[in-house]
Structures are given as C-alpha cells and as structure tokens.
Amino acid sequence: CLGLWGRPATGLITVQPSWQFLALHLEERQLKAALCNFSGQIVAASQSALAATDNASLATGILQACQDFFSQYSQCLERIAAITLTLPGVIDSERGVICSAREYPVRDLPLANLIWQKTGLSLLLQQDVRAQALAEYYFGEQAGAKELLYVSISEHIDVAVITGGQLLATAAGNAPQLGYLLSPPEGTAGRECLHRFITRSALASHCLL
C-alpha cells in the first residue's frame, strides 16, 4: 500500500489476466501452442505437425506457427509478454540457443535472437525435462521440497535434479541422461542400456508378451 503526506493508503493490485504469454512445446515432430495468462489459465490452444531438415527450416516453421496462432486467435490477444519453448535436446537457455535437438538435424540454432528480430518478443528456451522439474518443484505436489529427482519416461528416459533450489546440470548445461546407464537384463550376464527395458515402447512390448 502507498500513502502520500497523510492521504489514505491506496492498495496496488496487479491485473494479471491482461498479460499473456505463448507457451510452445515441441516433441515427436508436433508443435503444441497455448496462449496463457499470468494467472495460469489457458486462453487458447492448438497443435500442428512441424517438419524441418535444418536450422533455417526449423526456425521458419516455429516462426510461421507463431504467426498463424496469433492470426487465428487474434480476438483473444491482449498484452503478450514473451514466448516460451520447451523441447528435448541440448539447450543453452542463457543464450537462447538450440545446440542440438533430439528429433531434428539442427546445430547451434540462435532461436531466441531470431524470434526477437521477427516479433520483438523475448523467447525463454528450456530443455523439456528441466522445465517439467521446475514446474513440479514450484507448483506440484513436491512444492517446497529441498531436493527433487524428476524422472520422465517416454521413448527416452530423462532425469532432472534440483538441490537447494538449483537445477543440477552436466558440463553441457543440460539434464543428465539416465537411459544410457548400463543395466544387466534379468537372468543374463550381459549389460545393456536401461532404455532398452523401461521406455514407453519397451514397457508396452513387455505387457503384450
């Protein structure tokens, strides 16, 4: 509250719903987009296929998807603060660079800079499993925990570790890869990568046996 020279104090209230951001998630060559307000509500959402063969085509595809989304849902737009993008791969979040992507043949793509040049909006770029771990740490059932181990199982096994409120990272700045740990198959003397046994498709195959 603020008061000047004896005047009654006036409460300051932030009007969160009027500010929005566009949240993008890229996985399995599908781009999911959601327009959200700062209260966490989804205003509009869409999903589309995204094919790319190099840096230029991936950047063009993402930019075009953003423009199409804004055009389609123009009646829902208010004040856009930023764009966020999560995807599996090696991500330099500080520089806004996709060093490599799991499903696209790209390398050192300065996507944040390209988005800024074309739209004037900041891009917050993060590896998907690290973003998921942060969401769980701040808003999930484990909110307030001092330590958090987050494991994501799909066609790969990814893990993110939070300790003391900070994400642990490899030397490349990303989450460690759990799926490539060696594990002996039951009843054998050999050793194989863990993702051979507990990924989504491996579990499905095991259940169908």
Protein backbone atom coordinates (compact mmCIF):
# COMPACT_ATOMS: atom_id res chain seq x y z
CA CYS A 1 0.00 0.00 0.00
CA LEU A 2 1.11 3.54 -0.69
CA GLY A 3 0.25 6.78 1.09
CA LEU A 4 1.49 10.33 0.45
CA TRP A 5 1.56 13.14 3.05
CA GLY A 6 -1.21 11.76 5.17
CA ARG A 7 -3.50 10.70 2.33
CA PRO A 8 -5.32 7.37 2.74
CA ALA A 9 -3.21 4.41 1.63
CA THR A 10 -4.03 3.02 -1.77
CA GLY A 11 -3.64 -0.70 -2.44
CA LEU A 12 -1.73 -1.72 -5.54
CA ILE A 13 -3.34 -4.60 -7.39
CA THR A 14 -1.68 -6.23 -10.40
CA VAL A 15 -4.17 -7.13 -13.12
CA GLN A 16 -2.68 -10.47 -14.12
CA PRO A 17 -5.22 -11.74 -16.67
CA SER A 18 -4.41 -8.89 -19.10
CA TRP A 19 -0.82 -10.09 -19.53
CA GLN A 20 -0.28 -13.22 -21.61
CA PHE A 21 2.49 -15.44 -22.95
CA LEU A 22 2.62 -18.04 -25.70
CA ALA A 23 3.82 -21.42 -24.44
CA LEU A 24 5.23 -23.81 -27.07
CA HIS A 25 6.24 -27.44 -26.65
CA LEU A 26 7.95 -29.36 -29.46
CA GLU A 27 8.09 -33.14 -29.30
CA GLU A 28 7.63 -36.05 -31.71
CA ARG A 29 7.57 -33.50 -34.55
CA GLN A 30 4.40 -31.94 -33.15
CA LEU A 31 4.28 -28.31 -32.00
CA LYS A 32 1.78 -27.64 -29.23
CA ALA A 33 0.91 -24.00 -28.57
CA ALA A 34 -1.07 -22.50 -25.70
CA LEU A 35 -1.88 -18.87 -25.01
CA CYS A 36 -1.82 -18.44 -21.23
CA ASN A 37 -2.39 -15.53 -18.91
CA PHE A 38 -0.31 -14.78 -15.83
CA SER A 39 -2.93 -16.42 -13.62
CA GLY A 40 -2.08 -19.74 -15.27
CA GLN A 41 -5.28 -20.03 -17.31
CA ILE A 42 -5.14 -21.35 -20.90
CA VAL A 43 -6.94 -18.92 -23.19
CA ALA A 44 -6.47 -20.79 -26.49
CA ALA A 45 -4.53 -23.83 -27.69
CA SER A 46 -3.57 -25.62 -30.89
CA GLN A 47 -1.38 -28.42 -32.21
CA SER A 48 0.26 -28.90 -35.59
CA ALA A 49 2.90 -31.02 -37.28
CA LEU A 50 6.31 -29.44 -37.78
CA ALA A 51 8.78 -30.89 -40.25
CA ALA A 52 12.32 -29.50 -40.57
CA THR A 53 15.58 -30.57 -42.14
CA ASP A 54 18.00 -27.90 -40.93
CA ASN A 55 18.37 -24.74 -38.82
CA ALA A 56 16.59 -22.47 -41.30
CA SER A 57 13.55 -24.70 -41.82
CA LEU A 58 13.07 -25.29 -38.09
CA ALA A 59 13.29 -21.57 -37.29
CA THR A 60 10.94 -20.73 -40.17
CA GLY A 61 8.47 -23.40 -39.08
CA ILE A 62 8.34 -22.14 -35.49
CA LEU A 63 8.00 -18.51 -36.57
CA GLN A 64 5.24 -19.37 -39.03
CA ALA A 65 3.42 -21.37 -36.37
CA CYS A 66 3.54 -18.37 -34.02
CA GLN A 67 2.23 -16.02 -36.70
CA ASP A 68 -0.56 -18.45 -37.63
CA PHE A 69 -1.54 -18.83 -33.98
CA PHE A 70 -1.67 -15.08 -33.39
CA SER A 71 -3.76 -14.64 -36.55
CA GLN A 72 -6.19 -17.43 -35.70
CA TYR A 73 -6.73 -16.27 -32.12
CA SER A 74 -6.33 -12.52 -32.62
CA GLN A 75 -9.59 -11.88 -30.75
CA CYS A 76 -8.08 -13.49 -27.63
CA LEU A 77 -4.85 -11.49 -27.62
CA GLU A 78 -4.16 -8.82 -25.04
CA ARG A 79 -0.61 -7.91 -23.97
CA ILE A 80 1.91 -10.59 -24.94
CA ALA A 81 4.89 -10.59 -22.60
CA ALA A 82 7.01 -13.40 -24.09
CA ILE A 83 7.15 -16.74 -25.86
CA THR A 84 8.38 -19.91 -24.16
CA LEU A 85 9.59 -23.07 -25.88
CA THR A 86 10.47 -26.44 -24.38
CA LEU A 87 11.83 -29.39 -26.34
CA PRO A 88 14.11 -32.41 -25.87
CA GLY A 89 17.70 -31.77 -26.82
CA VAL A 90 20.80 -29.88 -25.76
CA ILE A 91 19.71 -26.35 -24.92
CA ASP A 92 21.70 -23.27 -23.95
CA SER A 93 18.99 -21.42 -22.05
CA GLU A 94 21.11 -18.40 -21.18
CA ARG A 95 21.89 -17.63 -24.83
CA GLY A 96 18.60 -18.93 -26.22
CA VAL A 97 20.34 -21.41 -28.50
CA ILE A 98 19.26 -24.91 -29.54
CA CYS A 99 22.65 -26.65 -29.58
CA SER A 100 21.04 -29.85 -30.86
CA ALA A 101 17.52 -31.26 -30.99
CA ARG A 102 16.63 -34.89 -30.45
CA GLU A 103 14.25 -35.09 -33.42
CA TYR A 104 15.70 -32.52 -35.84
CA PRO A 105 19.10 -32.27 -37.58
CA VAL A 106 19.92 -28.80 -36.24
CA ARG A 107 23.01 -27.40 -34.57
CA ASP A 108 23.63 -24.15 -32.67
CA LEU A 109 20.38 -22.50 -33.76
CA PRO A 110 20.15 -18.98 -32.17
CA LEU A 111 16.37 -19.16 -31.98
CA ALA A 112 15.84 -16.53 -29.26
CA ASN A 113 17.64 -13.91 -31.34
CA LEU A 114 15.65 -14.82 -34.46
CA ILE A 115 12.34 -14.66 -32.59
CA TRP A 116 13.27 -11.24 -31.18
CA GLN A 117 14.19 -9.90 -34.62
CA LYS A 118 10.93 -11.08 -36.21
CA THR A 119 8.42 -10.46 -33.39
CA GLY A 120 10.04 -8.15 -30.83
CA LEU A 121 9.23 -10.76 -28.16
CA SER A 122 11.67 -12.48 -25.83
CA LEU A 123 11.96 -16.27 -26.12
CA LEU A 124 12.52 -18.31 -22.97
CA LEU A 125 14.07 -21.57 -24.12
CA GLN A 126 14.48 -24.65 -21.93
CA GLN A 127 15.04 -28.39 -22.19
CA ASP A 128 11.67 -30.06 -21.60
CA VAL A 129 12.59 -32.29 -18.65
CA ARG A 130 14.24 -29.39 -16.82
CA ALA A 131 11.14 -27.24 -17.33
CA GLN A 132 8.94 -30.07 -16.07
CA ALA A 133 11.12 -30.47 -12.98
CA LEU A 134 10.92 -26.75 -12.21
CA ALA A 135 7.13 -26.83 -12.60
CA GLU A 136 6.91 -29.75 -10.17
CA TYR A 137 9.30 -28.04 -7.76
CA TYR A 138 7.36 -24.78 -7.63
CA PHE A 139 3.75 -25.80 -8.30
CA GLY A 140 3.40 -29.59 -7.97
CA GLU A 141 2.91 -31.94 -5.05
CA GLN A 142 6.60 -31.58 -4.20
CA ALA A 143 6.46 -27.79 -3.93
CA GLY A 144 8.75 -26.62 -1.16
CA ALA A 145 10.91 -29.74 -1.15
CA LYS A 146 14.62 -29.13 -0.64
CA GLU A 147 15.68 -31.89 -3.02
CA LEU A 148 13.88 -33.20 -6.10
CA LEU A 149 14.66 -36.03 -8.52
CA TYR A 150 12.38 -35.83 -11.56
CA VAL A 151 12.28 -38.76 -13.99
CA SER A 152 10.44 -38.59 -17.33
CA ILE A 153 9.80 -41.83 -19.25
CA SER A 154 8.69 -41.76 -22.88
CA GLU A 155 10.74 -43.17 -25.76
CA HIS A 156 13.71 -41.94 -23.75
CA ILE A 157 14.49 -41.72 -20.05
CA ASP A 158 15.36 -38.21 -18.92
CA VAL A 159 16.08 -37.01 -15.42
CA ALA A 160 16.43 -33.61 -13.77
CA VAL A 161 17.78 -32.98 -10.28
CA ILE A 162 17.06 -29.94 -8.14
CA THR A 163 19.04 -29.38 -4.97
CA GLY A 164 18.99 -26.27 -2.86
CA GLY A 165 16.60 -24.68 -5.33
CA GLN A 166 19.07 -25.05 -8.21
CA LEU A 167 18.98 -27.35 -11.23
CA LEU A 168 21.97 -29.64 -11.48
CA ALA A 169 23.41 -29.86 -14.97
CA THR A 170 26.05 -31.67 -16.97
CA ALA A 171 29.08 -29.85 -18.34
CA ALA A 172 26.95 -29.08 -21.42
CA GLY A 173 24.38 -27.37 -19.21
CA ASN A 174 21.64 -29.97 -19.57
CA ALA A 175 19.98 -32.69 -17.53
CA PRO A 176 21.91 -35.98 -17.21
CA GLN A 177 20.81 -38.92 -19.37
CA LEU A 178 19.58 -41.79 -17.20
CA GLY A 179 18.61 -44.07 -20.08
CA TYR A 180 22.19 -44.80 -21.09
CA LEU A 181 23.17 -46.28 -17.75
CA LEU A 182 24.15 -49.93 -18.14
CA SER A 183 21.86 -52.46 -16.52
CA PRO A 184 22.11 -56.28 -16.57
CA PRO A 185 18.95 -57.90 -18.01
CA GLU A 186 17.33 -60.32 -15.59
CA GLY A 187 18.69 -63.83 -15.94
CA THR A 188 21.63 -62.82 -18.13
CA ALA A 189 25.26 -61.97 -17.58
CA GLY A 190 25.36 -59.19 -20.19
CA ARG A 191 24.81 -55.47 -19.79
CA GLU A 192 22.54 -53.25 -21.87
CA CYS A 193 21.31 -49.65 -21.72
CA LEU A 194 18.45 -49.04 -19.32
CA HIS A 195 16.24 -47.50 -22.00
CA ARG A 196 16.01 -50.94 -23.65
CA PHE A 197 13.79 -52.06 -20.78
CA ILE A 198 11.76 -49.22 -19.30
CA THR A 199 10.93 -46.75 -22.08
CA ARG A 200 7.29 -46.42 -23.17
CA SER A 201 7.58 -48.80 -26.13
CA ALA A 202 9.70 -51.30 -24.15
CA LEU A 203 7.12 -51.43 -21.35
CA ALA A 204 4.29 -51.80 -23.86
CA SER A 205 6.09 -54.69 -25.58
CA HIS A 206 6.69 -56.36 -22.23
CA CYS A 207 2.98 -56.07 -21.29
CA LEU A 208 1.94 -57.64 -24.61
CA LEU A 209 4.14 -60.70 -24.14
